[in-house]
Amino acid sequence: MNVQVKKVYRNYYLNIISALFKKLGLPQLIDHLVPVDPQCQTRVSDAVQAIIYNMFDGRQALVHVERWAQEI
């Protein structure tokens, strides 16, 4: 059997965390509990998820989370 690896994803565990986050219903709960300014263009649950993923991936400074998320 000949197996070739085309690409290795170092952040595979983020998929597991994402699945758990959704299975527990956390996005809906966060969005329900946190008041939102009508001008906000991002859901609060998305911001919380990005911060949690970033913590598991090595904790970039919050200033760099947007760039980090684009790379992921």
Protein backbone atom coordinates (compact mmCIF):
# COMPACT_ATOMS: atom_id res chain seq x y z
CA MET A 1 0.00 0.00 0.00
CA ASN A 2 1.44 3.37 -1.04
CA VAL A 3 0.27 6.36 1.02
CA GLN A 4 1.29 9.90 0.20
CA VAL A 5 0.78 12.82 2.56
CA LYS A 6 0.00 15.98 0.63
CA LYS A 7 -0.26 18.37 3.55
CA VAL A 8 -0.03 18.23 7.35
CA TYR A 9 -2.35 20.46 9.33
CA ARG A 10 -0.82 21.36 12.65
CA ASN A 11 -4.11 22.72 14.01
CA TYR A 12 -6.23 19.61 13.57
CA TYR A 13 -7.32 19.79 17.21
CA LEU A 14 -9.15 23.07 16.52
CA ASN A 15 -11.72 21.04 14.57
CA ILE A 16 -12.35 18.92 17.65
CA ILE A 17 -12.72 21.98 19.87
CA SER A 18 -15.08 23.56 17.32
CA ALA A 19 -17.25 20.45 17.22
CA LEU A 20 -17.45 20.34 21.03
CA PHE A 21 -18.25 24.05 21.19
CA LYS A 22 -21.17 23.55 18.78
CA LYS A 23 -22.37 20.26 20.30
CA LEU A 24 -22.64 21.90 23.72
CA GLY A 25 -24.69 24.73 22.22
CA LEU A 26 -22.26 27.35 23.45
CA PRO A 27 -22.56 29.75 20.47
CA GLN A 28 -26.32 30.09 20.97
CA LEU A 29 -25.94 30.43 24.74
CA ILE A 30 -23.28 33.12 24.46
CA ASP A 31 -25.25 35.06 21.85
CA HIS A 32 -28.35 34.83 24.03
CA LEU A 33 -26.63 35.98 27.25
CA VAL A 34 -24.39 38.76 25.96
CA PRO A 35 -26.06 42.01 24.92
CA VAL A 36 -25.02 43.19 21.47
CA ASP A 37 -24.66 46.69 20.10
CA PRO A 38 -26.70 47.00 16.87
CA GLN A 39 -23.63 48.35 15.07
CA CYS A 40 -21.60 45.23 15.83
CA GLN A 41 -20.84 43.22 12.70
CA THR A 42 -19.43 40.16 14.47
CA ARG A 43 -21.35 37.76 16.66
CA VAL A 44 -20.06 37.60 20.22
CA SER A 45 -19.85 33.82 20.04
CA ASP A 46 -17.53 34.07 17.01
CA ALA A 47 -15.18 36.38 18.91
CA VAL A 48 -15.19 34.07 21.95
CA GLN A 49 -14.47 31.06 19.75
CA ALA A 50 -11.56 32.84 18.09
CA ILE A 51 -10.05 33.70 21.47
CA ILE A 52 -10.48 30.14 22.76
CA TYR A 53 -8.90 28.66 19.60
CA ASN A 54 -6.06 31.13 19.91
CA MET A 55 -5.45 30.08 23.52
CA PHE A 56 -5.12 26.45 22.46
CA ASP A 57 -2.82 27.42 19.60
CA GLY A 58 -0.23 29.26 21.66
CA ARG A 59 -1.81 32.53 22.78
CA GLN A 60 -1.09 35.33 20.38
CA ALA A 61 -1.57 38.85 21.70
CA LEU A 62 -5.16 39.99 21.15
CA VAL A 63 -3.86 42.62 18.75
CA HIS A 64 -2.70 39.81 16.45
CA VAL A 65 -5.72 37.48 16.71
CA GLU A 66 -7.28 38.76 13.48
CA ARG A 67 -4.12 38.05 11.49
CA TRP A 68 -3.74 34.68 13.23
CA ALA A 69 -7.35 33.75 12.36
CA GLN A 70 -6.83 34.64 8.70
CA GLU A 71 -3.81 32.32 8.56
CA ILE A 72 -5.75 29.47 10.11
